[in-house]
């Protein structure tokens, strides 16, 4: 069948993860997806798929079902409120080919319908060849195009204006190789950074946006966690739980802080990351990386990851 890019808010075919979908019963769907063996941003971590693909798969699956099956217009705006997953690092092995993934999606807590949908919750189970990859889910808000223009008219009027690109930290300190993929800049104290917004980034800014995308904030959390873990220590968040409080504006400094926190597994590395703008909370995220012995060696860059137990 193929999935139109407008259904998942992606313009580059290489970024479109779902390939087909089927309704199983009311509010339950099976989505076929393809995880790329190579991608300029979602690159493998050692011999494993980048776990951020779990988060991106959940995001795209939610919008696909909303547009294709619930009748939500493609110009409606979605905003992440919660997103979580719990992935099995051992099941993420890359075999050199794209991985065919099956996503079981259950919808709940729908508020409104069709063009008047206001929010929905998704519960997802991701498998590959019958093997469990991850469980996850999220809560997304939905705003019609006319309502969004009324709410964000000031910011939308600034869409054509450039956003200055601030300095970034050294890529390898946050698990990256290329400067353009760094989303953290120096802060005023240890474990404190300024969010770096590169509106020319082909993956994080897939189209002009009037606010900082949620996936960029997730990447900031991942990079902050890697910085806490230290250079050369692969931080591969197999568990993540994030909630968003408000839009992060493009032209106002957003500050990221992180600290290591206890985890029930004393060998795991758990990090709490928070973002603030103008003194107000933007997001809070907890990430957990399994013990180092369970991870592949760092050969290039330990890239993003995300998600944790179902939200709700």
C-alpha atoms as a PDB file:
ATOM      1  CA  UNK A   1       0.000   0.000   0.000  1.00  0.00           C
ATOM      2  CA  UNK A   2       2.731   2.468   0.919  1.00  0.00           C
ATOM      3  CA  UNK A   3       2.489   5.261   3.442  1.00  0.00           C
ATOM      4  CA  UNK A   4       2.239   8.886   2.241  1.00  0.00           C
ATOM      5  CA  UNK A   5       4.784  11.146   3.896  1.00  0.00           C
ATOM      6  CA  UNK A   6       2.046  13.562   4.944  1.00  0.00           C
ATOM      7  CA  UNK A   7       0.549  10.825   7.154  1.00  0.00           C
ATOM      8  CA  UNK A   8       3.723  10.667   9.279  1.00  0.00           C
ATOM      9  CA  UNK A   9       4.860  14.287   8.827  1.00  0.00           C
ATOM     10  CA  UNK A  10       8.017  13.263   6.967  1.00  0.00           C
ATOM     11  CA  UNK A  11       9.035  14.523   3.533  1.00  0.00           C
ATOM     12  CA  UNK A  12      12.109  12.353   2.859  1.00  0.00           C
ATOM     13  CA  UNK A  13      11.136   8.778   1.892  1.00  0.00           C
ATOM     14  CA  UNK A  14      14.211   7.523   3.777  1.00  0.00           C
ATOM     15  CA  UNK A  15      12.665   8.873   6.996  1.00  0.00           C
ATOM     16  CA  UNK A  16       9.293   7.141   6.587  1.00  0.00           C
ATOM     17  CA  UNK A  17       9.282   4.105   8.879  1.00  0.00           C
ATOM     18  CA  UNK A  18       5.776   2.566   8.445  1.00  0.00           C
ATOM     19  CA  UNK A  19       5.216   0.708   5.182  1.00  0.00           C
ATOM     20  CA  UNK A  20       1.631  -0.533   5.577  1.00  0.00           C
ATOM     21  CA  UNK A  21      -1.166  -0.841   8.120  1.00  0.00           C
ATOM     22  CA  UNK A  22      -4.216  -2.972   8.846  1.00  0.00           C
ATOM     23  CA  UNK A  23      -7.105  -2.431  11.230  1.00  0.00           C
ATOM     24  CA  UNK A  24      -7.548  -5.496  13.447  1.00  0.00           C
ATOM     25  CA  UNK A  25     -10.596  -4.265  15.329  1.00  0.00           C
ATOM     26  CA  UNK A  26     -11.904  -1.001  16.701  1.00  0.00           C
ATOM     27  CA  UNK A  27      -8.985   1.083  17.964  1.00  0.00           C
ATOM     28  CA  UNK A  28      -6.435  -1.684  17.323  1.00  0.00           C
ATOM     29  CA  UNK A  29      -4.071  -1.768  14.364  1.00  0.00           C
ATOM     30  CA  UNK A  30      -1.126  -3.721  13.015  1.00  0.00           C
ATOM     31  CA  UNK A  31       1.516  -1.596  11.326  1.00  0.00           C
ATOM     32  CA  UNK A  32       4.357  -2.944   9.205  1.00  0.00           C
ATOM     33  CA  UNK A  33       7.542  -0.922   9.473  1.00  0.00           C
ATOM     34  CA  UNK A  34      11.075  -0.995   8.110  1.00  0.00           C
ATOM     35  CA  UNK A  35      14.040   0.054  10.209  1.00  0.00           C
ATOM     36  CA  UNK A  36      16.944   1.159   8.002  1.00  0.00           C
ATOM     37  CA  UNK A  37      20.256  -0.677   8.301  1.00  0.00           C
ATOM     38  CA  UNK A  38      21.928   2.671   7.640  1.00  0.00           C
ATOM     39  CA  UNK A  39      20.663   6.218   8.145  1.00  0.00           C
ATOM     40  CA  UNK A  40      22.574   9.521   8.415  1.00  0.00           C
ATOM     41  CA  UNK A  41      21.033  10.214  11.834  1.00  0.00           C
ATOM     42  CA  UNK A  42      19.492   6.969  13.136  1.00  0.00           C
ATOM     43  CA  UNK A  43      22.758   5.069  12.711  1.00  0.00           C
ATOM     44  CA  UNK A  44      23.403   1.673  14.317  1.00  0.00           C
ATOM     45  CA  UNK A  45      25.190   1.616  17.666  1.00  0.00           C
ATOM     46  CA  UNK A  46      27.860  -1.004  17.267  1.00  0.00           C
ATOM     47  CA  UNK A  47      25.973  -4.055  16.018  1.00  0.00           C
ATOM     48  CA  UNK A  48      22.564  -2.863  17.214  1.00  0.00           C
ATOM     49  CA  UNK A  49      19.828  -0.652  15.859  1.00  0.00           C
ATOM     50  CA  UNK A  50      19.687   2.817  17.345  1.00  0.00           C
ATOM     51  CA  UNK A  51      16.926   2.560  19.974  1.00  0.00           C
ATOM     52  CA  UNK A  52      15.682   6.054  19.125  1.00  0.00           C
ATOM     53  CA  UNK A  53      13.956   4.248  16.270  1.00  0.00           C
ATOM     54  CA  UNK A  54      11.503   2.909  18.855  1.00  0.00           C
ATOM     55  CA  UNK A  55      10.495   6.447  19.790  1.00  0.00           C
ATOM     56  CA  UNK A  56      10.303   7.558  16.167  1.00  0.00           C
ATOM     57  CA  UNK A  57       8.281   4.466  15.248  1.00  0.00           C
ATOM     58  CA  UNK A  58       5.761   5.179  18.014  1.00  0.00           C
ATOM     59  CA  UNK A  59       5.522   8.816  16.915  1.00  0.00           C
ATOM     60  CA  UNK A  60       4.947   7.957  13.264  1.00  0.00           C
ATOM     61  CA  UNK A  61       2.538   5.106  14.039  1.00  0.00           C
ATOM     62  CA  UNK A  62       0.400   7.438  16.146  1.00  0.00           C
ATOM     63  CA  UNK A  63       0.099  10.032  13.396  1.00  0.00           C
ATOM     64  CA  UNK A  64      -0.445   7.411  10.685  1.00  0.00           C
ATOM     65  CA  UNK A  65      -3.439   5.910  12.465  1.00  0.00           C
ATOM     66  CA  UNK A  66      -4.847   9.332  13.341  1.00  0.00           C
ATOM     67  CA  UNK A  67      -4.714  10.560   9.746  1.00  0.00           C
ATOM     68  CA  UNK A  68      -5.479   7.342   7.861  1.00  0.00           C
ATOM     69  CA  UNK A  69      -8.109   5.798  10.141  1.00  0.00           C
ATOM     70  CA  UNK A  70      -9.486   8.494  12.446  1.00  0.00           C
ATOM     71  CA  UNK A  71      -9.993  11.168   9.803  1.00  0.00           C
ATOM     72  CA  UNK A  72      -7.671  13.784  11.292  1.00  0.00           C
ATOM     73  CA  UNK A  73      -6.731  16.320   8.562  1.00  0.00           C
ATOM     74  CA  UNK A  74      -3.085  16.186   7.511  1.00  0.00           C
ATOM     75  CA  UNK A  75      -2.598  19.868   8.350  1.00  0.00           C
ATOM     76  CA  UNK A  76      -3.521  19.319  12.003  1.00  0.00           C
ATOM     77  CA  UNK A  77      -0.704  19.756  14.510  1.00  0.00           C
ATOM     78  CA  UNK A  78       0.400  17.003  16.881  1.00  0.00           C
ATOM     79  CA  UNK A  79       2.369  17.644  20.046  1.00  0.00           C
ATOM     80  CA  UNK A  80       3.932  15.023  22.280  1.00  0.00           C
ATOM     81  CA  UNK A  81       2.850  15.146  25.905  1.00  0.00           C
ATOM     82  CA  UNK A  82       4.253  11.804  27.062  1.00  0.00           C
ATOM     83  CA  UNK A  83       6.397   9.161  25.402  1.00  0.00           C
ATOM     84  CA  UNK A  84       7.943   6.039  26.855  1.00  0.00           C
ATOM     85  CA  UNK A  85       9.439   2.682  26.004  1.00  0.00           C
ATOM     86  CA  UNK A  86      11.280  -0.306  27.385  1.00  0.00           C
ATOM     87  CA  UNK A  87      13.485  -1.958  24.754  1.00  0.00           C
ATOM     88  CA  UNK A  88      15.499  -5.179  24.820  1.00  0.00           C
ATOM     89  CA  UNK A  89      19.075  -4.305  23.739  1.00  0.00           C
ATOM     90  CA  UNK A  90      19.765  -7.948  22.867  1.00  0.00           C
ATOM     91  CA  UNK A  91      16.927  -7.940  20.313  1.00  0.00           C
ATOM     92  CA  UNK A  92      18.255  -4.898  18.436  1.00  0.00           C
ATOM     93  CA  UNK A  93      21.018  -6.706  16.525  1.00  0.00           C
ATOM     94  CA  UNK A  94      21.595  -5.417  12.972  1.00  0.00           C
ATOM     95  CA  UNK A  95      22.115  -8.013  10.247  1.00  0.00           C
ATOM     96  CA  UNK A  96      23.124  -5.552   7.512  1.00  0.00           C
ATOM     97  CA  UNK A  97      19.656  -5.280   6.003  1.00  0.00           C
ATOM     98  CA  UNK A  98      16.650  -3.197   6.882  1.00  0.00           C
ATOM     99  CA  UNK A  99      14.659  -4.848   9.645  1.00  0.00           C
ATOM    100  CA  UNK A 100      10.999  -5.634   9.128  1.00  0.00           C
ATOM    101  CA  UNK A 101       9.211  -4.654  12.319  1.00  0.00           C
ATOM    102  CA  UNK A 102       5.588  -5.255  13.309  1.00  0.00           C
ATOM    103  CA  UNK A 103       3.925  -2.671  15.530  1.00  0.00           C
ATOM    104  CA  UNK A 104       0.753  -3.570  17.405  1.00  0.00           C
ATOM    105  CA  UNK A 105      -1.042  -0.321  18.264  1.00  0.00           C
ATOM    106  CA  UNK A 106      -3.983   0.095  20.619  1.00  0.00           C
ATOM    107  CA  UNK A 107      -5.692   3.476  20.964  1.00  0.00           C
ATOM    108  CA  UNK A 108      -7.362   4.665  24.145  1.00  0.00           C
ATOM    109  CA  UNK A 109      -8.466   7.825  25.924  1.00  0.00           C
ATOM    110  CA  UNK A 110      -9.599   9.458  22.684  1.00  0.00           C
ATOM    111  CA  UNK A 111     -10.916  12.957  23.233  1.00  0.00           C
ATOM    112  CA  UNK A 112     -12.904  14.202  20.281  1.00  0.00           C
ATOM    113  CA  UNK A 113     -12.960  12.603  16.838  1.00  0.00           C
ATOM    114  CA  UNK A 114     -12.047  13.311  13.229  1.00  0.00           C
ATOM    115  CA  UNK A 115     -11.072  16.901  12.614  1.00  0.00           C
ATOM    116  CA  UNK A 116     -12.055  17.636  16.215  1.00  0.00           C
ATOM    117  CA  UNK A 117      -9.699  15.087  17.796  1.00  0.00           C
ATOM    118  CA  UNK A 118      -7.958  16.733  20.750  1.00  0.00           C
ATOM    119  CA  UNK A 119      -5.812  13.926  22.151  1.00  0.00           C
ATOM    120  CA  UNK A 120      -5.224  10.182  22.138  1.00  0.00           C
ATOM    121  CA  UNK A 121      -3.102   7.630  23.921  1.00  0.00           C
ATOM    122  CA  UNK A 122      -1.268   4.774  22.206  1.00  0.00           C
ATOM    123  CA  UNK A 123      -0.035   1.487  23.633  1.00  0.00           C
ATOM    124  CA  UNK A 124       2.440  -0.307  21.381  1.00  0.00           C
ATOM    125  CA  UNK A 125       4.282  -3.607  21.143  1.00  0.00           C
ATOM    126  CA  UNK A 126       7.140  -3.876  18.636  1.00  0.00           C
ATOM    127  CA  UNK A 127       8.317  -7.276  17.391  1.00  0.00           C
ATOM    128  CA  UNK A 128      10.723  -8.528  14.746  1.00  0.00           C
ATOM    129  CA  UNK A 129      10.359 -12.047  13.440  1.00  0.00           C
ATOM    130  CA  UNK A 130       8.271 -12.943  16.451  1.00  0.00           C
ATOM    131  CA  UNK A 131      10.856 -11.614  18.908  1.00  0.00           C
ATOM    132  CA  UNK A 132       9.875  -8.805  21.255  1.00  0.00           C
ATOM    133  CA  UNK A 133      11.818  -5.601  20.565  1.00  0.00           C
ATOM    134  CA  UNK A 134      10.084  -3.143  22.840  1.00  0.00           C
ATOM    135  CA  UNK A 135       6.897  -2.083  24.521  1.00  0.00           C
ATOM    136  CA  UNK A 136       5.968   1.547  24.673  1.00  0.00           C
ATOM    137  CA  UNK A 137       3.373   4.191  24.224  1.00  0.00           C
ATOM    138  CA  UNK A 138       2.551   7.817  24.404  1.00  0.00           C
ATOM    139  CA  UNK A 139       0.033  10.582  24.787  1.00  0.00           C
ATOM    140  CA  UNK A 140      -0.324  13.101  21.971  1.00  0.00           C
ATOM    141  CA  UNK A 141      -2.355  16.271  21.688  1.00  0.00           C
ATOM    142  CA  UNK A 142      -3.919  17.331  18.412  1.00  0.00           C
ATOM    143  CA  UNK A 143      -4.865  20.847  17.310  1.00  0.00           C
ATOM    144  CA  UNK A 144      -6.674  21.784  14.107  1.00  0.00           C
ATOM    145  CA  UNK A 145      -4.871  24.085  11.696  1.00  0.00           C
ATOM    146  CA  UNK A 146      -7.216  27.078  12.289  1.00  0.00           C
ATOM    147  CA  UNK A 147      -6.955  26.728  16.067  1.00  0.00           C
ATOM    148  CA  UNK A 148      -3.187  26.370  15.879  1.00  0.00           C
ATOM    149  CA  UNK A 149      -2.910  29.555  13.828  1.00  0.00           C
ATOM    150  CA  UNK A 150      -4.883  31.414  16.468  1.00  0.00           C
ATOM    151  CA  UNK A 151      -2.764  30.056  19.319  1.00  0.00           C
ATOM    152  CA  UNK A 152       0.645  30.411  17.665  1.00  0.00           C
ATOM    153  CA  UNK A 153       0.129  33.316  15.263  1.00  0.00           C
ATOM    154  CA  UNK A 154       3.042  35.330  16.675  1.00  0.00           C
ATOM    155  CA  UNK A 155       5.502  32.452  16.331  1.00  0.00           C
ATOM    156  CA  UNK A 156       4.138  31.435  12.926  1.00  0.00           C
ATOM    157  CA  UNK A 157       4.770  34.966  11.664  1.00  0.00           C
ATOM    158  CA  UNK A 158       8.474  34.436  12.427  1.00  0.00           C
ATOM    159  CA  UNK A 159       8.818  31.206  10.436  1.00  0.00           C
ATOM    160  CA  UNK A 160      10.914  32.799   7.700  1.00  0.00           C
ATOM    161  CA  UNK A 161      13.347  34.444  10.087  1.00  0.00           C
ATOM    162  CA  UNK A 162      16.678  32.693  10.730  1.00  0.00           C
ATOM    163  CA  UNK A 163      17.450  31.204  14.133  1.00  0.00           C
ATOM    164  CA  UNK A 164      21.095  31.817  15.103  1.00  0.00           C
ATOM    165  CA  UNK A 165      23.088  28.599  15.483  1.00  0.00           C
ATOM    166  CA  UNK A 166      24.961  28.729  18.782  1.00  0.00           C
ATOM    167  CA  UNK A 167      28.202  26.928  19.596  1.00  0.00           C
ATOM    168  CA  UNK A 168      28.062  23.243  20.429  1.00  0.00           C
ATOM    169  CA  UNK A 169      30.088  21.033  22.725  1.00  0.00           C
ATOM    170  CA  UNK A 170      32.621  18.575  21.323  1.00  0.00           C
ATOM    171  CA  UNK A 171      30.653  15.894  19.429  1.00  0.00           C
ATOM    172  CA  UNK A 172      32.320  12.883  21.051  1.00  0.00           C
ATOM    173  CA  UNK A 173      31.439  14.093  24.546  1.00  0.00           C
ATOM    174  CA  UNK A 174      27.767  13.569  23.682  1.00  0.00           C
ATOM    175  CA  UNK A 175      28.099  10.443  21.555  1.00  0.00           C
ATOM    176  CA  UNK A 176      28.178  12.086  18.153  1.00  0.00           C
ATOM    177  CA  UNK A 177      30.732  12.377  15.364  1.00  0.00           C
ATOM    178  CA  UNK A 178      29.400  15.324  13.365  1.00  0.00           C
ATOM    179  CA  UNK A 179      29.086  18.837  14.722  1.00  0.00           C
ATOM    180  CA  UNK A 180      25.763  19.330  12.928  1.00  0.00           C
ATOM    181  CA  UNK A 181      24.220  16.540  15.033  1.00  0.00           C
ATOM    182  CA  UNK A 182      25.183  18.141  18.367  1.00  0.00           C
ATOM    183  CA  UNK A 183      22.191  19.699  20.141  1.00  0.00           C
ATOM    184  CA  UNK A 184      23.923  20.834  23.348  1.00  0.00           C
ATOM    185  CA  UNK A 185      26.053  23.927  23.854  1.00  0.00           C
ATOM    186  CA  UNK A 186      28.212  24.947  26.809  1.00  0.00           C
ATOM    187  CA  UNK A 187      26.404  25.888  30.019  1.00  0.00           C
ATOM    188  CA  UNK A 188      27.446  27.922  33.034  1.00  0.00           C
ATOM    189  CA  UNK A 189      28.282  24.996  35.334  1.00  0.00           C
ATOM    190  CA  UNK A 190      28.949  21.237  35.179  1.00  0.00           C
ATOM    191  CA  UNK A 191      26.131  19.062  33.840  1.00  0.00           C
ATOM    192  CA  UNK A 192      24.385  22.154  32.503  1.00  0.00           C
ATOM    193  CA  UNK A 193      23.979  23.019  28.816  1.00  0.00           C
ATOM    194  CA  UNK A 194      22.202  25.398  26.480  1.00  0.00           C
ATOM    195  CA  UNK A 195      19.980  23.712  23.916  1.00  0.00           C
ATOM    196  CA  UNK A 196      21.467  24.114  20.443  1.00  0.00           C
ATOM    197  CA  UNK A 197      18.850  24.506  17.723  1.00  0.00           C
ATOM    198  CA  UNK A 198      19.920  23.792  14.152  1.00  0.00           C
ATOM    199  CA  UNK A 199      16.878  24.528  11.999  1.00  0.00           C
ATOM    200  CA  UNK A 200      18.780  23.282   8.934  1.00  0.00           C
ATOM    201  CA  UNK A 201      19.084  19.749  10.321  1.00  0.00           C
ATOM    202  CA  UNK A 202      17.434  17.462   7.737  1.00  0.00           C
ATOM    203  CA  UNK A 203      16.040  14.956  10.258  1.00  0.00           C
ATOM    204  CA  UNK A 204      15.236  16.975  13.380  1.00  0.00           C
ATOM    205  CA  UNK A 205      13.729  19.834  11.338  1.00  0.00           C
ATOM    206  CA  UNK A 206      12.023  17.919   8.564  1.00  0.00           C
ATOM    207  CA  UNK A 207       9.984  21.030   7.713  1.00  0.00           C
ATOM    208  CA  UNK A 208       9.766  24.647   8.959  1.00  0.00           C
ATOM    209  CA  UNK A 209       8.616  24.679  12.562  1.00  0.00           C
ATOM    210  CA  UNK A 210       7.506  27.421  14.928  1.00  0.00           C
ATOM    211  CA  UNK A 211       8.840  25.597  18.026  1.00  0.00           C
ATOM    212  CA  UNK A 212      11.526  23.110  19.014  1.00  0.00           C
ATOM    213  CA  UNK A 213      10.398  19.611  17.940  1.00  0.00           C
ATOM    214  CA  UNK A 214       9.891  17.028  20.657  1.00  0.00           C
ATOM    215  CA  UNK A 215      12.353  14.646  19.000  1.00  0.00           C
ATOM    216  CA  UNK A 216      15.067  17.294  19.281  1.00  0.00           C
ATOM    217  CA  UNK A 217      14.392  17.544  23.012  1.00  0.00           C
ATOM    218  CA  UNK A 218      14.628  13.757  23.261  1.00  0.00           C
ATOM    219  CA  UNK A 219      17.978  13.898  21.502  1.00  0.00           C
ATOM    220  CA  UNK A 220      19.097  16.583  23.947  1.00  0.00           C
ATOM    221  CA  UNK A 221      18.185  14.258  26.809  1.00  0.00           C
ATOM    222  CA  UNK A 222      20.103  11.390  25.194  1.00  0.00           C
ATOM    223  CA  UNK A 223      23.179  13.558  24.634  1.00  0.00           C
ATOM    224  CA  UNK A 224      23.069  14.905  28.192  1.00  0.00           C
ATOM    225  CA  UNK A 225      22.869  11.348  29.527  1.00  0.00           C
ATOM    226  CA  UNK A 226      25.877  10.359  27.424  1.00  0.00           C
ATOM    227  CA  UNK A 227      27.801  13.332  28.803  1.00  0.00           C
ATOM    228  CA  UNK A 228      26.965  12.233  32.352  1.00  0.00           C
ATOM    229  CA  UNK A 229      28.119   8.672  31.590  1.00  0.00           C
ATOM    230  CA  UNK A 230      31.414  10.021  30.294  1.00  0.00           C
ATOM    231  CA  UNK A 231      33.412   9.696  27.054  1.00  0.00           C
ATOM    232  CA  UNK A 232      34.013   6.152  25.897  1.00  0.00           C
ATOM    233  CA  UNK A 233      31.198   4.763  28.048  1.00  0.00           C
ATOM    234  CA  UNK A 234      28.342   3.739  25.733  1.00  0.00           C
ATOM    235  CA  UNK A 235      25.046   5.099  27.041  1.00  0.00           C
ATOM    236  CA  UNK A 236      22.309   3.196  25.250  1.00  0.00           C
ATOM    237  CA  UNK A 237      18.975   4.094  26.843  1.00  0.00           C
ATOM    238  CA  UNK A 238      16.980   0.904  26.657  1.00  0.00           C
ATOM    239  CA  UNK A 239      14.458   2.569  28.959  1.00  0.00           C
ATOM    240  CA  UNK A 240      13.118   6.092  28.689  1.00  0.00           C
ATOM    241  CA  UNK A 241      10.189   7.996  30.117  1.00  0.00           C
ATOM    242  CA  UNK A 242       9.591  11.612  29.120  1.00  0.00           C
ATOM    243  CA  UNK A 243       6.857  14.180  29.651  1.00  0.00           C
ATOM    244  CA  UNK A 244       6.518  17.605  28.055  1.00  0.00           C
ATOM    245  CA  UNK A 245       5.048  20.621  29.846  1.00  0.00           C
ATOM    246  CA  UNK A 246       5.031  23.336  27.188  1.00  0.00           C
ATOM    247  CA  UNK A 247       6.403  24.356  23.802  1.00  0.00           C
ATOM    248  CA  UNK A 248      10.103  25.171  23.690  1.00  0.00           C
ATOM    249  CA  UNK A 249      10.483  28.392  21.725  1.00  0.00           C
ATOM    250  CA  UNK A 250      13.144  28.686  19.045  1.00  0.00           C
ATOM    251  CA  UNK A 251      14.606  32.086  19.920  1.00  0.00           C
ATOM    252  CA  UNK A 252      14.753  31.925  23.716  1.00  0.00           C
ATOM    253  CA  UNK A 253      17.557  30.024  25.493  1.00  0.00           C
ATOM    254  CA  UNK A 254      16.462  26.622  26.762  1.00  0.00           C
ATOM    255  CA  UNK A 255      18.654  25.206  29.524  1.00  0.00           C
ATOM    256  CA  UNK A 256      19.285  21.492  29.997  1.00  0.00           C
ATOM    257  CA  UNK A 257      20.391  20.005  33.330  1.00  0.00           C
ATOM    258  CA  UNK A 258      21.176  16.374  34.129  1.00  0.00           C
ATOM    259  CA  UNK A 259      22.160  14.218  37.065  1.00  0.00           C
ATOM    260  CA  UNK A 260      22.757  10.562  37.713  1.00  0.00           C
ATOM    261  CA  UNK A 261      20.068   8.926  39.837  1.00  0.00           C
ATOM    262  CA  UNK A 262      19.759   5.522  41.551  1.00  0.00           C
ATOM    263  CA  UNK A 263      18.349   2.567  39.634  1.00  0.00           C
ATOM    264  CA  UNK A 264      17.105  -0.806  40.850  1.00  0.00           C
ATOM    265  CA  UNK A 265      19.988  -2.398  38.924  1.00  0.00           C
ATOM    266  CA  UNK A 266      23.141  -1.078  40.614  1.00  0.00           C
ATOM    267  CA  UNK A 267      25.185  -1.771  37.455  1.00  0.00           C
ATOM    268  CA  UNK A 268      22.881   0.224  35.186  1.00  0.00           C
ATOM    269  CA  UNK A 269      23.295   3.951  34.569  1.00  0.00           C
ATOM    270  CA  UNK A 270      20.165   6.032  35.166  1.00  0.00           C
ATOM    271  CA  UNK A 271      20.048   9.749  34.408  1.00  0.00           C
ATOM    272  CA  UNK A 272      17.397  12.398  35.010  1.00  0.00           C
ATOM    273  CA  UNK A 273      17.360  15.234  32.471  1.00  0.00           C
ATOM    274  CA  UNK A 274      15.228  18.378  32.617  1.00  0.00           C
ATOM    275  CA  UNK A 275      14.767  21.354  30.326  1.00  0.00           C
ATOM    276  CA  UNK A 276      13.758  24.882  31.383  1.00  0.00           C
ATOM    277  CA  UNK A 277      13.037  28.060  29.463  1.00  0.00           C
ATOM    278  CA  UNK A 278      12.420  31.467  31.044  1.00  0.00           C
ATOM    279  CA  UNK A 279      12.354  29.706  34.405  1.00  0.00           C
ATOM    280  CA  UNK A 280       9.519  27.384  33.357  1.00  0.00           C
ATOM    281  CA  UNK A 281       9.782  23.594  32.950  1.00  0.00           C
ATOM    282  CA  UNK A 282       9.724  22.357  29.356  1.00  0.00           C
ATOM    283  CA  UNK A 283      10.314  18.635  29.767  1.00  0.00           C
ATOM    284  CA  UNK A 284      11.544  15.998  32.182  1.00  0.00           C
ATOM    285  CA  UNK A 285      13.111  12.725  31.097  1.00  0.00           C
ATOM    286  CA  UNK A 286      14.496   9.646  32.823  1.00  0.00           C
ATOM    287  CA  UNK A 287      16.820   7.399  30.816  1.00  0.00           C
ATOM    288  CA  UNK A 288      18.388   4.094  31.828  1.00  0.00           C
ATOM    289  CA  UNK A 289      21.270   2.344  30.097  1.00  0.00           C
ATOM    290  CA  UNK A 290      21.934  -1.331  30.852  1.00  0.00           C
ATOM    291  CA  UNK A 291      25.203  -2.478  32.425  1.00  0.00           C
ATOM    292  CA  UNK A 292      28.218  -1.856  30.207  1.00  0.00           C
ATOM    293  CA  UNK A 293      28.787  -5.586  29.765  1.00  0.00           C
ATOM    294  CA  UNK A 294      25.446  -5.813  27.941  1.00  0.00           C
ATOM    295  CA  UNK A 295      26.367  -3.128  25.415  1.00  0.00           C
ATOM    296  CA  UNK A 296      28.364  -3.218  22.176  1.00  0.00           C
ATOM    297  CA  UNK A 297      31.795  -1.552  22.218  1.00  0.00           C
ATOM    298  CA  UNK A 298      31.993   2.094  21.189  1.00  0.00           C
ATOM    299  CA  UNK A 299      33.410   1.991  17.680  1.00  0.00           C
ATOM    300  CA  UNK A 300      32.014   5.208  16.270  1.00  0.00           C
ATOM    301  CA  UNK A 301      29.247   6.938  18.162  1.00  0.00           C
ATOM    302  CA  UNK A 302      26.742   5.734  20.725  1.00  0.00           C
ATOM    303  CA  UNK A 303      23.695   7.368  19.215  1.00  0.00           C
ATOM    304  CA  UNK A 304      20.294   8.330  20.610  1.00  0.00           C
ATOM    305  CA  UNK A 305      17.871   6.086  22.268  1.00  0.00           C
ATOM    306  CA  UNK A 306      14.658   6.474  24.068  1.00  0.00           C
ATOM    307  CA  UNK A 307      11.588   5.274  25.883  1.00  0.00           C
ATOM    308  CA  UNK A 308      10.173   3.341  28.668  1.00  0.00           C
ATOM    309  CA  UNK A 309       7.208   1.611  30.184  1.00  0.00           C
ATOM    310  CA  UNK A 310       3.779   2.530  28.836  1.00  0.00           C
ATOM    311  CA  UNK A 311       2.495   5.937  29.807  1.00  0.00           C
ATOM    312  CA  UNK A 312      -0.595   4.827  31.667  1.00  0.00           C
END
